[in-house]
Amino acid sequence: MNSKKTILIVDDDIDFRNQIKFYCEKFGYETITANGEIEAIEVIKTKKPDLAIIDLMMEKDDSGFILSYKIKQKYPDVPVIIATAVTSETGLIFGVESHEEQQWIKADLIMEKGVRPDQLQREIKRLLKE
């Protein structure tokens, strides 16, 4: 484990944010948290995370997409995971598998909320190439 790696966790749901923070710190990572798109944009002005885990729907329905785009614009090499409950809540399915989806969804992975800790750790390690 590399404790020097920092994960930015952005979610307006404090329980989910704290749960992901707990897991990431247990896996040996430093964490920075923000409760929404606006706060996270302030954070990335001065800090470069090694990876970001962000909610999709925060201040606006597309806050996660906008934030992901802004992170990738500033730090193209930082992997972004969008964690969302939108599929279970609306039935809409998003993905980043096709080239078309990757053009407008600037994220490396979309995960459904309710992710298991072992699955989260596996995806973080894969994206950080550990």
C-alpha atoms as a PDB file:
ATOM      1  CA  MET A   1       0.000   0.000   0.000  1.00  0.00           C
ATOM      2  CA  ASN A   2       1.126   3.489  -0.787  1.00  0.00           C
ATOM      3  CA  SER A   3      -0.034   6.004   1.821  1.00  0.00           C
ATOM      4  CA  LYS A   4       1.222   8.877  -0.317  1.00  0.00           C
ATOM      5  CA  LYS A   5      -1.671   8.495  -2.772  1.00  0.00           C
ATOM      6  CA  THR A   6      -4.568  10.869  -2.170  1.00  0.00           C
ATOM      7  CA  ILE A   7      -8.180  10.232  -3.090  1.00  0.00           C
ATOM      8  CA  LEU A   8     -10.662  13.086  -3.503  1.00  0.00           C
ATOM      9  CA  ILE A   9     -14.164  12.028  -2.400  1.00  0.00           C
ATOM     10  CA  VAL A  10     -17.033  14.287  -3.450  1.00  0.00           C
ATOM     11  CA  ASP A  11     -20.621  13.584  -2.428  1.00  0.00           C
ATOM     12  CA  ASP A  12     -23.436  15.643  -0.915  1.00  0.00           C
ATOM     13  CA  ASP A  13     -24.563  12.581   1.080  1.00  0.00           C
ATOM     14  CA  ILE A  14     -22.443  12.790   4.243  1.00  0.00           C
ATOM     15  CA  ASP A  15     -23.058   9.122   5.150  1.00  0.00           C
ATOM     16  CA  PHE A  16     -21.848   7.854   1.770  1.00  0.00           C
ATOM     17  CA  ARG A  17     -18.918  10.295   1.798  1.00  0.00           C
ATOM     18  CA  ASN A  18     -17.839   9.152   5.266  1.00  0.00           C
ATOM     19  CA  GLN A  19     -18.248   5.479   4.321  1.00  0.00           C
ATOM     20  CA  ILE A  20     -16.013   5.844   1.235  1.00  0.00           C
ATOM     21  CA  LYS A  21     -13.523   7.937   3.260  1.00  0.00           C
ATOM     22  CA  PHE A  22     -13.398   5.180   5.907  1.00  0.00           C
ATOM     23  CA  TYR A  23     -12.742   2.474   3.298  1.00  0.00           C
ATOM     24  CA  CYS A  24     -10.113   4.472   1.416  1.00  0.00           C
ATOM     25  CA  GLU A  25      -8.221   5.283   4.624  1.00  0.00           C
ATOM     26  CA  LYS A  26      -8.475   1.622   5.666  1.00  0.00           C
ATOM     27  CA  PHE A  27      -6.910   0.714   2.285  1.00  0.00           C
ATOM     28  CA  GLY A  28      -4.015   3.051   3.169  1.00  0.00           C
ATOM     29  CA  TYR A  29      -4.828   6.209   1.188  1.00  0.00           C
ATOM     30  CA  GLU A  30      -4.964   9.830   2.246  1.00  0.00           C
ATOM     31  CA  THR A  31      -8.371  11.416   1.612  1.00  0.00           C
ATOM     32  CA  ILE A  32      -9.730  14.858   0.848  1.00  0.00           C
ATOM     33  CA  THR A  33     -13.492  15.326   0.963  1.00  0.00           C
ATOM     34  CA  ALA A  34     -15.861  17.888  -0.522  1.00  0.00           C
ATOM     35  CA  ASN A  35     -19.634  18.030  -0.238  1.00  0.00           C
ATOM     36  CA  GLY A  36     -20.337  19.098  -3.808  1.00  0.00           C
ATOM     37  CA  GLU A  37     -19.148  20.304  -7.192  1.00  0.00           C
ATOM     38  CA  ILE A  38     -18.463  23.896  -6.083  1.00  0.00           C
ATOM     39  CA  GLU A  39     -16.392  22.894  -3.035  1.00  0.00           C
ATOM     40  CA  ALA A  40     -14.473  20.297  -5.065  1.00  0.00           C
ATOM     41  CA  ILE A  41     -13.574  22.850  -7.743  1.00  0.00           C
ATOM     42  CA  GLU A  42     -12.013  24.988  -5.001  1.00  0.00           C
ATOM     43  CA  VAL A  43     -10.057  21.955  -3.725  1.00  0.00           C
ATOM     44  CA  ILE A  44      -8.594  21.029  -7.134  1.00  0.00           C
ATOM     45  CA  LYS A  45      -7.355  24.590  -7.649  1.00  0.00           C
ATOM     46  CA  THR A  46      -4.647  23.930  -5.055  1.00  0.00           C
ATOM     47  CA  LYS A  47      -4.442  20.138  -4.684  1.00  0.00           C
ATOM     48  CA  LYS A  48      -3.975  17.378  -7.247  1.00  0.00           C
ATOM     49  CA  PRO A  49      -5.537  14.107  -6.105  1.00  0.00           C
ATOM     50  CA  ASP A  50      -4.218  10.779  -7.398  1.00  0.00           C
ATOM     51  CA  LEU A  51      -7.800   9.618  -7.961  1.00  0.00           C
ATOM     52  CA  ALA A  52     -11.291  11.090  -7.504  1.00  0.00           C
ATOM     53  CA  ILE A  53     -14.527   9.363  -6.489  1.00  0.00           C
ATOM     54  CA  ILE A  54     -17.466  11.653  -7.185  1.00  0.00           C
ATOM     55  CA  ASP A  55     -21.233  11.511  -6.949  1.00  0.00           C
ATOM     56  CA  LEU A  56     -23.250  12.204 -10.094  1.00  0.00           C
ATOM     57  CA  MET A  57     -26.196  14.206  -8.764  1.00  0.00           C
ATOM     58  CA  MET A  58     -25.237  16.916  -6.289  1.00  0.00           C
ATOM     59  CA  GLU A  59     -26.122  20.617  -6.709  1.00  0.00           C
ATOM     60  CA  LYS A  60     -27.470  19.760 -10.158  1.00  0.00           C
ATOM     61  CA  ASP A  61     -28.367  16.481 -11.861  1.00  0.00           C
ATOM     62  CA  ASP A  62     -25.168  16.646 -13.935  1.00  0.00           C
ATOM     63  CA  SER A  63     -22.763  18.005 -11.281  1.00  0.00           C
ATOM     64  CA  GLY A  64     -20.680  14.823 -11.371  1.00  0.00           C
ATOM     65  CA  PHE A  65     -20.255  14.993 -15.147  1.00  0.00           C
ATOM     66  CA  ILE A  66     -19.251  18.666 -14.971  1.00  0.00           C
ATOM     67  CA  LEU A  67     -16.823  18.072 -12.095  1.00  0.00           C
ATOM     68  CA  SER A  68     -15.316  15.040 -13.836  1.00  0.00           C
ATOM     69  CA  TYR A  69     -14.777  17.149 -16.963  1.00  0.00           C
ATOM     70  CA  LYS A  70     -13.115  19.923 -14.922  1.00  0.00           C
ATOM     71  CA  ILE A  71     -10.819  17.470 -13.110  1.00  0.00           C
ATOM     72  CA  LYS A  72      -9.790  15.884 -16.434  1.00  0.00           C
ATOM     73  CA  GLN A  73      -9.259  19.331 -17.977  1.00  0.00           C
ATOM     74  CA  LYS A  74      -6.864  20.341 -15.186  1.00  0.00           C
ATOM     75  CA  TYR A  75      -5.327  16.919 -14.478  1.00  0.00           C
ATOM     76  CA  PRO A  76      -5.789  14.618 -17.523  1.00  0.00           C
ATOM     77  CA  ASP A  77      -3.920  11.748 -15.827  1.00  0.00           C
ATOM     78  CA  VAL A  78      -6.128  11.600 -12.695  1.00  0.00           C
ATOM     79  CA  PRO A  79      -8.571   8.653 -12.804  1.00  0.00           C
ATOM     80  CA  VAL A  80     -12.173   9.566 -11.992  1.00  0.00           C
ATOM     81  CA  ILE A  81     -14.807   7.181 -10.642  1.00  0.00           C
ATOM     82  CA  ILE A  82     -18.401   8.396 -10.722  1.00  0.00           C
ATOM     83  CA  ALA A  83     -20.437   6.683  -7.985  1.00  0.00           C
ATOM     84  CA  THR A  84     -24.164   6.960  -8.549  1.00  0.00           C
ATOM     85  CA  ALA A  85     -27.523   5.597  -7.553  1.00  0.00           C
ATOM     86  CA  VAL A  86     -29.118   7.080 -10.693  1.00  0.00           C
ATOM     87  CA  THR A  87     -29.708   3.679 -12.331  1.00  0.00           C
ATOM     88  CA  SER A  88     -31.559   2.281  -9.317  1.00  0.00           C
ATOM     89  CA  GLU A  89     -33.492   5.547  -8.885  1.00  0.00           C
ATOM     90  CA  THR A  90     -34.359   6.311 -12.520  1.00  0.00           C
ATOM     91  CA  GLY A  91     -33.580   3.238 -14.595  1.00  0.00           C
ATOM     92  CA  LEU A  92     -31.168   5.278 -16.725  1.00  0.00           C
ATOM     93  CA  ILE A  93     -27.950   3.449 -17.453  1.00  0.00           C
ATOM     94  CA  PHE A  94     -24.652   5.240 -18.010  1.00  0.00           C
ATOM     95  CA  GLY A  95     -21.390   3.693 -19.006  1.00  0.00           C
ATOM     96  CA  VAL A  96     -17.935   4.587 -20.267  1.00  0.00           C
ATOM     97  CA  GLU A  97     -17.413   1.491 -22.388  1.00  0.00           C
ATOM     98  CA  SER A  98     -18.029   2.928 -25.860  1.00  0.00           C
ATOM     99  CA  HIS A  99     -15.974   5.610 -27.570  1.00  0.00           C
ATOM    100  CA  GLU A 100     -19.080   7.845 -27.823  1.00  0.00           C
ATOM    101  CA  GLU A 101     -19.740   7.595 -24.088  1.00  0.00           C
ATOM    102  CA  GLN A 102     -16.082   8.396 -23.336  1.00  0.00           C
ATOM    103  CA  GLN A 103     -16.353  11.553 -25.446  1.00  0.00           C
ATOM    104  CA  TRP A 104     -18.987  13.139 -23.221  1.00  0.00           C
ATOM    105  CA  ILE A 105     -18.534  11.284 -19.923  1.00  0.00           C
ATOM    106  CA  LYS A 106     -15.020  12.193 -18.817  1.00  0.00           C
ATOM    107  CA  ALA A 107     -14.769   9.442 -16.225  1.00  0.00           C
ATOM    108  CA  ASP A 108     -12.758   6.245 -16.109  1.00  0.00           C
ATOM    109  CA  LEU A 109     -15.420   4.211 -14.343  1.00  0.00           C
ATOM    110  CA  ILE A 110     -19.051   4.495 -13.310  1.00  0.00           C
ATOM    111  CA  MET A 111     -20.031   2.438 -10.264  1.00  0.00           C
ATOM    112  CA  GLU A 112     -23.455   1.904  -8.750  1.00  0.00           C
ATOM    113  CA  LYS A 113     -23.683   3.071  -5.137  1.00  0.00           C
ATOM    114  CA  GLY A 114     -23.750   0.207  -2.704  1.00  0.00           C
ATOM    115  CA  VAL A 115     -20.355  -0.897  -3.961  1.00  0.00           C
ATOM    116  CA  ARG A 116     -18.621  -3.531  -1.854  1.00  0.00           C
ATOM    117  CA  PRO A 117     -15.347  -2.505  -0.165  1.00  0.00           C
ATOM    118  CA  ASP A 118     -13.356  -5.274  -1.905  1.00  0.00           C
ATOM    119  CA  GLN A 119     -14.718  -4.197  -5.296  1.00  0.00           C
ATOM    120  CA  LEU A 120     -13.896  -0.551  -4.550  1.00  0.00           C
ATOM    121  CA  GLN A 121     -10.348  -1.451  -3.500  1.00  0.00           C
ATOM    122  CA  ARG A 122      -9.848  -3.558  -6.633  1.00  0.00           C
ATOM    123  CA  GLU A 123     -11.011  -0.729  -8.939  1.00  0.00           C
ATOM    124  CA  ILE A 124      -8.875   1.887  -7.128  1.00  0.00           C
ATOM    125  CA  LYS A 125      -5.781  -0.319  -7.421  1.00  0.00           C
ATOM    126  CA  ARG A 126      -6.530  -0.995 -11.088  1.00  0.00           C
ATOM    127  CA  LEU A 127      -6.987   2.694 -11.923  1.00  0.00           C
ATOM    128  CA  LEU A 128      -3.877   3.694  -9.939  1.00  0.00           C
ATOM    129  CA  LYS A 129      -1.983   0.806 -11.595  1.00  0.00           C
ATOM    130  CA  GLU A 130      -0.851  -0.575  -8.230  1.00  0.00           C
END
